[in-house]
Amino acid sequence: MMVFENYALVVIRLVIVVLGIIIIYLSFKSHRQNHSSAMLLVSTGFAFVTVGVVIEGVLFEFFGFDIFTAHTVESILVALGFMAIIYSIYGAKS
């Protein structure tokens, strides 16, 4: 049963990565077309969130980090990404 759960988690993470890459691409494309710093921050924010989603498993499975440390790194990256997205909405000049 554990093997199925591992594969299910990997598939879910891959879907999140693909969706994150699409959002990053679209927001960066918008930044290039409109020269909008807000869209650059959205792109950067989603890049941090997407990397954060992947990094926990990579650190835990391949580099031998304990789950607490790996999850802490993931949480920090996701928080940084959300801060960039929030700043793009409320603080960035277009």
N, C-alpha and C. Protein backbone atom coordinates (compact mmCIF):
# COMPACT_ATOMS: atom_id res chain seq x y z
N MET A 1 0.82 -1.20 0.00
CA MET A 1 0.00 0.00 0.00
C MET A 1 0.86 1.26 0.00
N MET A 2 2.00 1.20 0.66
CA MET A 2 2.86 2.37 0.75
C MET A 2 3.38 2.79 -0.62
N VAL A 3 3.63 1.83 -1.49
CA VAL A 3 4.15 2.14 -2.82
C VAL A 3 3.11 2.94 -3.61
N PHE A 4 1.84 2.55 -3.54
CA PHE A 4 0.79 3.29 -4.23
C PHE A 4 0.72 4.72 -3.72
N GLU A 5 0.82 4.90 -2.41
CA GLU A 5 0.75 6.25 -1.83
C GLU A 5 1.92 7.09 -2.29
N ASN A 6 3.10 6.50 -2.40
CA ASN A 6 4.26 7.25 -2.90
C ASN A 6 4.06 7.68 -4.34
N TYR A 7 3.57 6.77 -5.18
CA TYR A 7 3.31 7.11 -6.58
C TYR A 7 2.23 8.17 -6.71
N ALA A 8 1.19 8.05 -5.89
CA ALA A 8 0.12 9.04 -5.93
C ALA A 8 0.66 10.42 -5.57
N LEU A 9 1.50 10.50 -4.56
CA LEU A 9 2.09 11.77 -4.16
C LEU A 9 2.98 12.34 -5.26
N VAL A 10 3.76 11.48 -5.90
CA VAL A 10 4.62 11.93 -6.99
C VAL A 10 3.78 12.48 -8.15
N VAL A 11 2.70 11.79 -8.49
CA VAL A 11 1.84 12.25 -9.58
C VAL A 11 1.21 13.60 -9.23
N ILE A 12 0.73 13.74 -8.01
CA ILE A 12 0.13 15.01 -7.58
C ILE A 12 1.17 16.12 -7.64
N ARG A 13 2.36 15.86 -7.16
CA ARG A 13 3.43 16.87 -7.21
C ARG A 13 3.78 17.24 -8.65
N LEU A 14 3.79 16.26 -9.55
CA LEU A 14 4.08 16.55 -10.95
C LEU A 14 2.99 17.42 -11.58
N VAL A 15 1.75 17.17 -11.23
CA VAL A 15 0.65 18.00 -11.73
C VAL A 15 0.83 19.43 -11.23
N ILE A 16 1.18 19.59 -9.96
CA ILE A 16 1.40 20.92 -9.40
C ILE A 16 2.56 21.62 -10.11
N VAL A 17 3.62 20.89 -10.40
CA VAL A 17 4.77 21.48 -11.10
C VAL A 17 4.37 21.92 -12.50
N VAL A 18 3.63 21.10 -13.21
CA VAL A 18 3.21 21.47 -14.57
C VAL A 18 2.32 22.71 -14.53
N LEU A 19 1.36 22.74 -13.61
CA LEU A 19 0.50 23.92 -13.48
C LEU A 19 1.31 25.15 -13.09
N GLY A 20 2.26 24.98 -12.18
CA GLY A 20 3.12 26.09 -11.78
C GLY A 20 3.94 26.63 -12.94
N ILE A 21 4.48 25.73 -13.75
CA ILE A 21 5.26 26.16 -14.91
C ILE A 21 4.39 26.92 -15.90
N ILE A 22 3.16 26.48 -16.09
CA ILE A 22 2.25 27.19 -16.99
C ILE A 22 1.98 28.60 -16.47
N ILE A 23 1.71 28.72 -15.16
CA ILE A 23 1.46 30.05 -14.58
C ILE A 23 2.71 30.93 -14.69
N ILE A 24 3.87 30.36 -14.41
CA ILE A 24 5.12 31.12 -14.52
C ILE A 24 5.30 31.61 -15.95
N TYR A 25 5.11 30.73 -16.90
CA TYR A 25 5.27 31.10 -18.31
C TYR A 25 4.31 32.21 -18.71
N LEU A 26 3.04 32.04 -18.39
CA LEU A 26 2.03 33.04 -18.79
C LEU A 26 2.28 34.39 -18.13
N SER A 27 2.63 34.39 -16.86
CA SER A 27 2.86 35.67 -16.19
C SER A 27 4.14 36.33 -16.68
N PHE A 28 5.17 35.53 -16.98
CA PHE A 28 6.40 36.12 -17.50
C PHE A 28 6.18 36.64 -18.92
N LYS A 29 5.39 35.92 -19.70
CA LYS A 29 5.04 36.38 -21.05
C LYS A 29 4.30 37.72 -20.97
N SER A 30 3.39 37.84 -20.01
CA SER A 30 2.66 39.10 -19.82
C SER A 30 3.62 40.22 -19.41
N HIS A 31 4.57 39.88 -18.55
CA HIS A 31 5.59 40.88 -18.15
C HIS A 31 6.36 41.37 -19.36
N ARG A 32 6.77 40.45 -20.25
CA ARG A 32 7.55 40.83 -21.43
C ARG A 32 6.73 41.70 -22.39
N GLN A 33 5.44 41.42 -22.51
CA GLN A 33 4.60 42.18 -23.44
C GLN A 33 4.26 43.56 -22.89
N ASN A 34 3.99 43.65 -21.60
CA ASN A 34 3.50 44.89 -21.00
C ASN A 34 4.53 45.62 -20.14
N HIS A 35 5.69 45.02 -19.96
CA HIS A 35 6.74 45.59 -19.11
C HIS A 35 6.21 45.89 -17.71
N SER A 36 5.41 44.97 -17.20
CA SER A 36 4.77 45.14 -15.89
C SER A 36 5.62 44.47 -14.81
N SER A 37 6.07 45.27 -13.86
CA SER A 37 6.85 44.69 -12.76
C SER A 37 5.96 43.80 -11.88
N ALA A 38 4.67 44.09 -11.83
CA ALA A 38 3.76 43.25 -11.04
C ALA A 38 3.72 41.84 -11.60
N MET A 39 3.68 41.70 -12.90
CA MET A 39 3.64 40.37 -13.50
C MET A 39 4.97 39.63 -13.33
N LEU A 40 6.07 40.38 -13.29
CA LEU A 40 7.35 39.75 -13.00
C LEU A 40 7.36 39.20 -11.58
N LEU A 41 6.79 39.95 -10.65
CA LEU A 41 6.70 39.48 -9.27
C LEU A 41 5.77 38.27 -9.14
N VAL A 42 4.68 38.26 -9.90
CA VAL A 42 3.79 37.09 -9.90
C VAL A 42 4.55 35.87 -10.41
N SER A 43 5.29 36.05 -11.48
CA SER A 43 6.08 34.96 -12.04
C SER A 43 7.11 34.46 -11.03
N THR A 44 7.80 35.37 -10.38
CA THR A 44 8.79 35.01 -9.37
C THR A 44 8.13 34.31 -8.18
N GLY A 45 7.00 34.82 -7.74
CA GLY A 45 6.29 34.22 -6.62
C GLY A 45 5.88 32.79 -6.91
N PHE A 46 5.31 32.56 -8.08
CA PHE A 46 4.90 31.20 -8.42
C PHE A 46 6.10 30.29 -8.65
N ALA A 47 7.22 30.85 -9.08
CA ALA A 47 8.44 30.04 -9.20
C ALA A 47 8.88 29.55 -7.82
N PHE A 48 8.85 30.43 -6.82
CA PHE A 48 9.20 30.02 -5.46
C PHE A 48 8.23 28.95 -4.95
N VAL A 49 6.94 29.15 -5.17
CA VAL A 49 5.95 28.17 -4.71
C VAL A 49 6.16 26.83 -5.39
N THR A 50 6.39 26.85 -6.69
CA THR A 50 6.58 25.61 -7.44
C THR A 50 7.84 24.87 -6.99
N VAL A 51 8.92 25.59 -6.83
CA VAL A 51 10.16 24.97 -6.34
C VAL A 51 9.96 24.44 -4.92
N GLY A 52 9.23 25.20 -4.10
CA GLY A 52 8.96 24.77 -2.73
C GLY A 52 8.21 23.46 -2.68
N VAL A 53 7.28 23.27 -3.61
CA VAL A 53 6.50 22.03 -3.64
C VAL A 53 7.41 20.84 -3.94
N VAL A 54 8.37 21.02 -4.79
CA VAL A 54 9.24 19.92 -5.21
C VAL A 54 10.38 19.67 -4.23
N ILE A 55 10.89 20.72 -3.63
CA ILE A 55 12.13 20.62 -2.87
C ILE A 55 12.02 19.71 -1.65
N GLU A 56 10.85 19.66 -1.03
CA GLU A 56 10.69 18.81 0.15
C GLU A 56 11.00 17.35 -0.17
N GLY A 57 10.38 16.84 -1.23
CA GLY A 57 10.61 15.45 -1.61
C GLY A 57 12.04 15.19 -2.04
N VAL A 58 12.61 16.13 -2.76
CA VAL A 58 13.99 15.97 -3.23
C VAL A 58 14.95 15.92 -2.04
N LEU A 59 14.79 16.86 -1.11
CA LEU A 59 15.68 16.88 0.06
C LEU A 59 15.52 15.62 0.90
N PHE A 60 14.28 15.18 1.06
CA PHE A 60 14.01 14.01 1.90
C PHE A 60 14.46 12.71 1.23
N GLU A 61 14.08 12.52 -0.03
CA GLU A 61 14.34 11.25 -0.71
C GLU A 61 15.78 11.09 -1.19
N PHE A 62 16.36 12.17 -1.72
CA PHE A 62 17.66 12.04 -2.38
C PHE A 62 18.84 12.55 -1.58
N PHE A 63 18.61 13.48 -0.66
CA PHE A 63 19.71 14.06 0.09
C PHE A 63 19.71 13.67 1.56
N GLY A 64 18.74 12.87 1.99
CA GLY A 64 18.75 12.33 3.34
C GLY A 64 18.38 13.30 4.45
N PHE A 65 17.75 14.42 4.10
CA PHE A 65 17.30 15.35 5.13
C PHE A 65 16.15 14.71 5.90
N ASP A 66 16.04 15.05 7.19
CA ASP A 66 14.87 14.58 7.92
C ASP A 66 13.64 15.35 7.43
N ILE A 67 12.47 14.77 7.66
CA ILE A 67 11.25 15.34 7.10
C ILE A 67 10.96 16.73 7.66
N PHE A 68 11.31 16.99 8.92
CA PHE A 68 11.07 18.30 9.51
C PHE A 68 11.87 19.38 8.80
N THR A 69 13.14 19.12 8.55
CA THR A 69 14.00 20.10 7.87
C THR A 69 13.54 20.31 6.43
N ALA A 70 13.22 19.23 5.74
CA ALA A 70 12.76 19.34 4.36
C ALA A 70 11.46 20.14 4.29
N HIS A 71 10.56 19.89 5.22
CA HIS A 71 9.29 20.61 5.22
C HIS A 71 9.49 22.08 5.59
N THR A 72 10.44 22.36 6.47
CA THR A 72 10.74 23.74 6.84
C THR A 72 11.26 24.52 5.62
N VAL A 73 12.15 23.91 4.85
CA VAL A 73 12.66 24.56 3.64
C VAL A 73 11.51 24.81 2.66
N GLU A 74 10.65 23.81 2.48
CA GLU A 74 9.50 23.98 1.60
C GLU A 74 8.63 25.13 2.06
N SER A 75 8.34 25.18 3.35
CA SER A 75 7.46 26.22 3.89
C SER A 75 8.05 27.61 3.71
N ILE A 76 9.35 27.74 3.88
CA ILE A 76 10.01 29.03 3.69
C ILE A 76 9.89 29.49 2.24
N LEU A 77 10.13 28.57 1.30
CA LEU A 77 10.04 28.93 -0.11
C LEU A 77 8.61 29.29 -0.51
N VAL A 78 7.64 28.55 -0.02
CA VAL A 78 6.24 28.85 -0.32
C VAL A 78 5.86 30.20 0.28
N ALA A 79 6.29 30.48 1.50
CA ALA A 79 6.00 31.77 2.13
C ALA A 79 6.62 32.92 1.34
N LEU A 80 7.86 32.76 0.89
CA LEU A 80 8.50 33.79 0.06
C LEU A 80 7.73 34.01 -1.24
N GLY A 81 7.27 32.92 -1.84
CA GLY A 81 6.49 33.03 -3.06
C GLY A 81 5.19 33.78 -2.84
N PHE A 82 4.50 33.44 -1.76
CA PHE A 82 3.24 34.14 -1.46
C PHE A 82 3.49 35.62 -1.14
N MET A 83 4.59 35.92 -0.49
CA MET A 83 4.90 37.33 -0.21
C MET A 83 5.13 38.09 -1.51
N ALA A 84 5.82 37.48 -2.47
CA ALA A 84 6.04 38.13 -3.76
C ALA A 84 4.72 38.34 -4.50
N ILE A 85 3.83 37.36 -4.43
CA ILE A 85 2.53 37.49 -5.09
C ILE A 85 1.70 38.59 -4.43
N ILE A 86 1.69 38.61 -3.12
CA ILE A 86 0.95 39.66 -2.40
C ILE A 86 1.52 41.04 -2.73
N TYR A 87 2.84 41.15 -2.74
CA TYR A 87 3.46 42.42 -3.08
C TYR A 87 3.12 42.84 -4.51
N SER A 88 3.03 41.87 -5.40
CA SER A 88 2.69 42.21 -6.79
C SER A 88 1.28 42.77 -6.89
N ILE A 89 0.40 42.34 -6.01
CA ILE A 89 -0.99 42.81 -6.03
C ILE A 89 -1.11 44.18 -5.38
N TYR A 90 -0.46 44.37 -4.25
CA TYR A 90 -0.67 45.58 -3.45
C TYR A 90 0.44 46.62 -3.51
N GLY A 91 1.66 46.20 -3.84
CA GLY A 91 2.75 47.15 -3.69
C GLY A 91 3.52 47.51 -4.94
N ALA A 92 3.46 46.67 -5.95
CA ALA A 92 4.30 46.91 -7.13
C ALA A 92 3.70 47.98 -8.02
N LYS A 93 4.57 48.77 -8.58
CA LYS A 93 4.16 49.77 -9.56
C LYS A 93 4.14 49.12 -10.93
N SER A 94 3.11 49.37 -11.69
CA SER A 94 3.01 48.78 -13.03
C SER A 94 3.92 49.53 -13.93
